[in-house]
Amino acid sequence: MVGKRGVSAYLERAAQRQIERDSLNDLIAEFDQANGPAEPEVVAVKRAKLTGNAPLTETRAAT
């Protein structure tokens, strides 16, 4: 069983994550308004690099 403080800390962290996501969504919306939306292919490549799931390139696949 989790005590009241454990639940409170959990909810506080969840609220903080939501605030961070909301702020990020605001930044993305501002970027899109100023520059147009990002190309999905470019986003996919950047996301793969950030998450460590970069696709193999021809030179990497050959080794």
PDB file of N, CA and C in Angstrom:
ATOM      1  N   MET A   1       0.852  -1.186   0.000  1.00  0.00           N
ATOM      2  CA  MET A   1       0.000   0.000   0.000  1.00  0.00           C
ATOM      3  C   MET A   1       0.897   1.247   0.000  1.00  0.00           C
ATOM      4  N   VAL A   2       0.505   2.227  -0.768  1.00  0.00           N
ATOM      5  CA  VAL A   2       1.267   3.470  -0.879  1.00  0.00           C
ATOM      6  C   VAL A   2       0.667   4.489   0.069  1.00  0.00           C
ATOM      7  N   GLY A   3       1.548   5.159   0.819  1.00  0.00           N
ATOM      8  CA  GLY A   3       1.078   6.191   1.741  1.00  0.00           C
ATOM      9  C   GLY A   3       0.623   7.436   1.009  1.00  0.00           C
ATOM     10  N   LYS A   4       0.009   8.342   1.761  1.00  0.00           N
ATOM     11  CA  LYS A   4      -0.502   9.574   1.159  1.00  0.00           C
ATOM     12  C   LYS A   4       0.598  10.375   0.482  1.00  0.00           C
ATOM     13  N   ARG A   5       1.768  10.437   1.099  1.00  0.00           N
ATOM     14  CA  ARG A   5       2.860  11.219   0.497  1.00  0.00           C
ATOM     15  C   ARG A   5       3.331  10.575  -0.803  1.00  0.00           C
ATOM     16  N   GLY A   6       3.338   9.234  -0.866  1.00  0.00           N
ATOM     17  CA  GLY A   6       3.733   8.555  -2.094  1.00  0.00           C
ATOM     18  C   GLY A   6       2.788   8.862  -3.238  1.00  0.00           C
ATOM     19  N   VAL A   7       1.514   8.863  -2.954  1.00  0.00           N
ATOM     20  CA  VAL A   7       0.513   9.189  -3.982  1.00  0.00           C
ATOM     21  C   VAL A   7       0.647  10.649  -4.371  1.00  0.00           C
ATOM     22  N   SER A   8       0.835  11.515  -3.391  1.00  0.00           N
ATOM     23  CA  SER A   8       0.977  12.938  -3.666  1.00  0.00           C
ATOM     24  C   SER A   8       2.201  13.209  -4.540  1.00  0.00           C
ATOM     25  N   ALA A   9       3.313  12.559  -4.242  1.00  0.00           N
ATOM     26  CA  ALA A   9       4.524  12.745  -5.045  1.00  0.00           C
ATOM     27  C   ALA A   9       4.310  12.231  -6.457  1.00  0.00           C
ATOM     28  N   TYR A  10       3.622  11.114  -6.582  1.00  0.00           N
ATOM     29  CA  TYR A  10       3.327  10.551  -7.905  1.00  0.00           C
ATOM     30  C   TYR A  10       2.480  11.530  -8.718  1.00  0.00           C
ATOM     31  N   LEU A  11       1.441  12.060  -8.103  1.00  0.00           N
ATOM     32  CA  LEU A  11       0.573  13.005  -8.805  1.00  0.00           C
ATOM     33  C   LEU A  11       1.308  14.294  -9.156  1.00  0.00           C
ATOM     34  N   GLU A  12       2.191  14.724  -8.278  1.00  0.00           N
ATOM     35  CA  GLU A  12       2.979  15.924  -8.549  1.00  0.00           C
ATOM     36  C   GLU A  12       3.887  15.710  -9.765  1.00  0.00           C
ATOM     37  N   ARG A  13       4.535  14.556  -9.849  1.00  0.00           N
ATOM     38  CA  ARG A  13       5.395  14.253 -11.007  1.00  0.00           C
ATOM     39  C   ARG A  13       4.561  14.154 -12.287  1.00  0.00           C
ATOM     40  N   ALA A  14       3.388  13.537 -12.197  1.00  0.00           N
ATOM     41  CA  ALA A  14       2.527  13.408 -13.376  1.00  0.00           C
ATOM     42  C   ALA A  14       2.073  14.787 -13.853  1.00  0.00           C
ATOM     43  N   ALA A  15       1.722  15.662 -12.928  1.00  0.00           N
ATOM     44  CA  ALA A  15       1.300  17.013 -13.297  1.00  0.00           C
ATOM     45  C   ALA A  15       2.458  17.776 -13.937  1.00  0.00           C
ATOM     46  N   GLN A  16       3.676  17.608 -13.403  1.00  0.00           N
ATOM     47  CA  GLN A  16       4.841  18.287 -13.967  1.00  0.00           C
ATOM     48  C   GLN A  16       5.120  17.807 -15.388  1.00  0.00           C
ATOM     49  N   ARG A  17       5.007  16.498 -15.613  1.00  0.00           N
ATOM     50  CA  ARG A  17       5.209  15.966 -16.974  1.00  0.00           C
ATOM     51  C   ARG A  17       4.179  16.542 -17.936  1.00  0.00           C
ATOM     52  N   GLN A  18       2.942  16.669 -17.484  1.00  0.00           N
ATOM     53  CA  GLN A  18       1.896  17.212 -18.348  1.00  0.00           C
ATOM     54  C   GLN A  18       2.175  18.673 -18.681  1.00  0.00           C
ATOM     55  N   ILE A  19       2.638  19.435 -17.713  1.00  0.00           N
ATOM     56  CA  ILE A  19       2.980  20.844 -17.947  1.00  0.00           C
ATOM     57  C   ILE A  19       4.107  20.936 -18.974  1.00  0.00           C
ATOM     58  N   GLU A  20       5.117  20.075 -18.839  1.00  0.00           N
ATOM     59  CA  GLU A  20       6.227  20.067 -19.797  1.00  0.00           C
ATOM     60  C   GLU A  20       5.739  19.730 -21.197  1.00  0.00           C
ATOM     61  N   ARG A  21       4.841  18.762 -21.309  1.00  0.00           N
ATOM     62  CA  ARG A  21       4.298  18.399 -22.627  1.00  0.00           C
ATOM     63  C   ARG A  21       3.486  19.536 -23.219  1.00  0.00           C
ATOM     64  N   ASP A  22       2.689  20.190 -22.378  1.00  0.00           N
ATOM     65  CA  ASP A  22       1.903  21.323 -22.864  1.00  0.00           C
ATOM     66  C   ASP A  22       2.814  22.432 -23.376  1.00  0.00           C
ATOM     67  N   SER A  23       3.896  22.702 -22.648  1.00  0.00           N
ATOM     68  CA  SER A  23       4.844  23.735 -23.071  1.00  0.00           C
ATOM     69  C   SER A  23       5.495  23.350 -24.394  1.00  0.00           C
ATOM     70  N   LEU A  24       5.851  22.091 -24.537  1.00  0.00           N
ATOM     71  CA  LEU A  24       6.452  21.623 -25.785  1.00  0.00           C
ATOM     72  C   LEU A  24       5.461  21.750 -26.939  1.00  0.00           C
ATOM     73  N   ASN A  25       4.213  21.400 -26.697  1.00  0.00           N
ATOM     74  CA  ASN A  25       3.192  21.542 -27.744  1.00  0.00           C
ATOM     75  C   ASN A  25       3.035  23.001 -28.159  1.00  0.00           C
ATOM     76  N   ASP A  26       3.131  23.930 -27.205  1.00  0.00           N
ATOM     77  CA  ASP A  26       3.059  25.358 -27.533  1.00  0.00           C
ATOM     78  C   ASP A  26       4.233  25.766 -28.423  1.00  0.00           C
ATOM     79  N   LEU A  27       5.437  25.288 -28.097  1.00  0.00           N
ATOM     80  CA  LEU A  27       6.611  25.605 -28.911  1.00  0.00           C
ATOM     81  C   LEU A  27       6.479  25.054 -30.326  1.00  0.00           C
ATOM     82  N   ILE A  28       5.973  23.841 -30.440  1.00  0.00           N
ATOM     83  CA  ILE A  28       5.778  23.232 -31.759  1.00  0.00           C
ATOM     84  C   ILE A  28       4.762  24.031 -32.572  1.00  0.00           C
ATOM     85  N   ALA A  29       3.682  24.447 -31.935  1.00  0.00           N
ATOM     86  CA  ALA A  29       2.660  25.235 -32.628  1.00  0.00           C
ATOM     87  C   ALA A  29       3.233  26.565 -33.113  1.00  0.00           C
ATOM     88  N   GLU A  30       4.054  27.212 -32.289  1.00  0.00           N
ATOM     89  CA  GLU A  30       4.690  28.469 -32.698  1.00  0.00           C
ATOM     90  C   GLU A  30       5.630  28.247 -33.880  1.00  0.00           C
ATOM     91  N   PHE A  31       6.405  27.167 -33.832  1.00  0.00           N
ATOM     92  CA  PHE A  31       7.309  26.849 -34.937  1.00  0.00           C
ATOM     93  C   PHE A  31       6.520  26.618 -36.218  1.00  0.00           C
ATOM     94  N   ASP A  32       5.471  25.808 -36.130  1.00  0.00           N
ATOM     95  CA  ASP A  32       4.652  25.518 -37.307  1.00  0.00           C
ATOM     96  C   ASP A  32       4.043  26.778 -37.891  1.00  0.00           C
ATOM     97  N   GLN A  33       3.609  27.689 -37.026  1.00  0.00           N
ATOM     98  CA  GLN A  33       3.008  28.930 -37.509  1.00  0.00           C
ATOM     99  C   GLN A  33       4.051  29.789 -38.232  1.00  0.00           C
ATOM    100  N   ALA A  34       5.252  29.823 -37.720  1.00  0.00           N
ATOM    101  CA  ALA A  34       6.300  30.662 -38.313  1.00  0.00           C
ATOM    102  C   ALA A  34       6.949  30.019 -39.532  1.00  0.00           C
ATOM    103  N   ASN A  35       7.062  28.685 -39.548  1.00  0.00           N
ATOM    104  CA  ASN A  35       7.852  28.006 -40.579  1.00  0.00           C
ATOM    105  C   ASN A  35       7.082  26.984 -41.401  1.00  0.00           C
ATOM    106  N   GLY A  36       5.857  26.745 -41.063  1.00  0.00           N
ATOM    107  CA  GLY A  36       5.109  25.657 -41.684  1.00  0.00           C
ATOM    108  C   GLY A  36       5.431  24.362 -40.953  1.00  0.00           C
ATOM    109  N   PRO A  37       4.599  23.374 -41.135  1.00  0.00           N
ATOM    110  CA  PRO A  37       4.822  22.115 -40.423  1.00  0.00           C
ATOM    111  C   PRO A  37       6.084  21.404 -40.902  1.00  0.00           C
ATOM    112  N   ALA A  38       6.700  20.672 -39.994  1.00  0.00           N
ATOM    113  CA  ALA A  38       7.903  19.900 -40.337  1.00  0.00           C
ATOM    114  C   ALA A  38       7.497  18.717 -41.206  1.00  0.00           C
ATOM    115  N   GLU A  39       8.403  18.322 -42.097  1.00  0.00           N
ATOM    116  CA  GLU A  39       8.140  17.182 -42.967  1.00  0.00           C
ATOM    117  C   GLU A  39       8.202  15.894 -42.137  1.00  0.00           C
ATOM    118  N   PRO A  40       7.207  15.029 -42.269  1.00  0.00           N
ATOM    119  CA  PRO A  40       7.171  13.796 -41.466  1.00  0.00           C
ATOM    120  C   PRO A  40       8.430  12.940 -41.592  1.00  0.00           C
ATOM    121  N   GLU A  41       9.013  12.885 -42.791  1.00  0.00           N
ATOM    122  CA  GLU A  41      10.221  12.082 -42.988  1.00  0.00           C
ATOM    123  C   GLU A  41      11.388  12.630 -42.181  1.00  0.00           C
ATOM    124  N   VAL A  42      11.514  13.949 -42.151  1.00  0.00           N
ATOM    125  CA  VAL A  42      12.593  14.590 -41.402  1.00  0.00           C
ATOM    126  C   VAL A  42      12.390  14.350 -39.905  1.00  0.00           C
ATOM    127  N   VAL A  43      11.156  14.477 -39.457  1.00  0.00           N
ATOM    128  CA  VAL A  43      10.844  14.233 -38.048  1.00  0.00           C
ATOM    129  C   VAL A  43      11.178  12.795 -37.673  1.00  0.00           C
ATOM    130  N   ALA A  44      10.852  11.850 -38.539  1.00  0.00           N
ATOM    131  CA  ALA A  44      11.120  10.437 -38.257  1.00  0.00           C
ATOM    132  C   ALA A  44      12.618  10.173 -38.116  1.00  0.00           C
ATOM    133  N   VAL A  45      13.425  10.781 -38.975  1.00  0.00           N
ATOM    134  CA  VAL A  45      14.876  10.601 -38.900  1.00  0.00           C
ATOM    135  C   VAL A  45      15.412  11.187 -37.599  1.00  0.00           C
ATOM    136  N   LYS A  46      14.981  12.389 -37.254  1.00  0.00           N
ATOM    137  CA  LYS A  46      15.447  13.027 -36.016  1.00  0.00           C
ATOM    138  C   LYS A  46      15.003  12.230 -34.797  1.00  0.00           C
ATOM    139  N   ARG A  47      13.760  11.753 -34.804  1.00  0.00           N
ATOM    140  CA  ARG A  47      13.251  10.963 -33.673  1.00  0.00           C
ATOM    141  C   ARG A  47      14.064   9.685 -33.514  1.00  0.00           C
ATOM    142  N   ALA A  48      14.390   9.034 -34.630  1.00  0.00           N
ATOM    143  CA  ALA A  48      15.176   7.801 -34.572  1.00  0.00           C
ATOM    144  C   ALA A  48      16.557   8.072 -33.986  1.00  0.00           C
ATOM    145  N   LYS A  49      17.166   9.178 -34.351  1.00  0.00           N
ATOM    146  CA  LYS A  49      18.478   9.514 -33.803  1.00  0.00           C
ATOM    147  C   LYS A  49      18.403   9.789 -32.307  1.00  0.00           C
ATOM    148  N   LEU A  50      17.373  10.506 -31.887  1.00  0.00           N
ATOM    149  CA  LEU A  50      17.223  10.841 -30.467  1.00  0.00           C
ATOM    150  C   LEU A  50      16.931   9.619 -29.608  1.00  0.00           C
ATOM    151  N   THR A  51      16.207   8.663 -30.150  1.00  0.00           N
ATOM    152  CA  THR A  51      15.823   7.487 -29.369  1.00  0.00           C
ATOM    153  C   THR A  51      16.794   6.333 -29.525  1.00  0.00           C
ATOM    154  N   GLY A  52      17.812   6.519 -30.375  1.00  0.00           N
ATOM    155  CA  GLY A  52      18.780   5.451 -30.577  1.00  0.00           C
ATOM    156  C   GLY A  52      18.298   4.377 -31.529  1.00  0.00           C
ATOM    157  N   ASN A  53      17.235   4.656 -32.253  1.00  0.00           N
ATOM    158  CA  ASN A  53      16.681   3.707 -33.222  1.00  0.00           C
ATOM    159  C   ASN A  53      16.938   4.170 -34.646  1.00  0.00           C
ATOM    160  N   ALA A  54      18.114   4.748 -34.866  1.00  0.00           N
ATOM    161  CA  ALA A  54      18.439   5.253 -36.199  1.00  0.00           C
ATOM    162  C   ALA A  54      18.468   4.100 -37.190  1.00  0.00           C
ATOM    163  N   PRO A  55      17.848   4.282 -38.351  1.00  0.00           N
ATOM    164  CA  PRO A  55      17.871   3.221 -39.362  1.00  0.00           C
ATOM    165  C   PRO A  55      19.286   3.002 -39.878  1.00  0.00           C
ATOM    166  N   LEU A  56      19.563   1.803 -40.283  1.00  0.00           N
ATOM    167  CA  LEU A  56      20.878   1.496 -40.850  1.00  0.00           C
ATOM    168  C   LEU A  56      21.040   2.198 -42.182  1.00  0.00           C
ATOM    169  N   THR A  57      22.200   2.795 -42.371  1.00  0.00           N
ATOM    170  CA  THR A  57      22.506   3.383 -43.672  1.00  0.00           C
ATOM    171  C   THR A  57      23.175   2.318 -44.518  1.00  0.00           C
ATOM    172  N   GLU A  58      23.354   2.589 -45.778  1.00  0.00           N
ATOM    173  CA  GLU A  58      23.969   1.591 -46.666  1.00  0.00           C
ATOM    174  C   GLU A  58      25.362   1.208 -46.175  1.00  0.00           C
ATOM    175  N   THR A  59      26.132   2.188 -45.702  1.00  0.00           N
ATOM    176  CA  THR A  59      27.502   1.874 -45.246  1.00  0.00           C
ATOM    177  C   THR A  59      27.472   1.088 -43.946  1.00  0.00           C
ATOM    178  N   ARG A  60      26.572   1.370 -43.061  1.00  0.00           N
ATOM    179  CA  ARG A  60      26.484   0.617 -41.812  1.00  0.00           C
ATOM    180  C   ARG A  60      25.945  -0.771 -42.051  1.00  0.00           C
ATOM    181  N   ALA A  61      25.019  -0.922 -42.997  1.00  0.00           N
ATOM    182  CA  ALA A  61      24.420  -2.224 -43.256  1.00  0.00           C
ATOM    183  C   ALA A  61      25.427  -3.173 -43.883  1.00  0.00           C
ATOM    184  N   ALA A  62      26.418  -2.622 -44.586  1.00  0.00           N
ATOM    185  CA  ALA A  62      27.392  -3.466 -45.277  1.00  0.00           C
ATOM    186  C   ALA A  62      28.387  -4.103 -44.317  1.00  0.00           C
ATOM    187  N   THR A  63      28.521  -3.555 -43.110  1.00  0.00           N
ATOM    188  CA  THR A  63      29.511  -4.104 -42.165  1.00  0.00           C
ATOM    189  C   THR A  63      28.938  -5.174 -41.299  1.00  0.00           C
TER     190      THR A  63
END
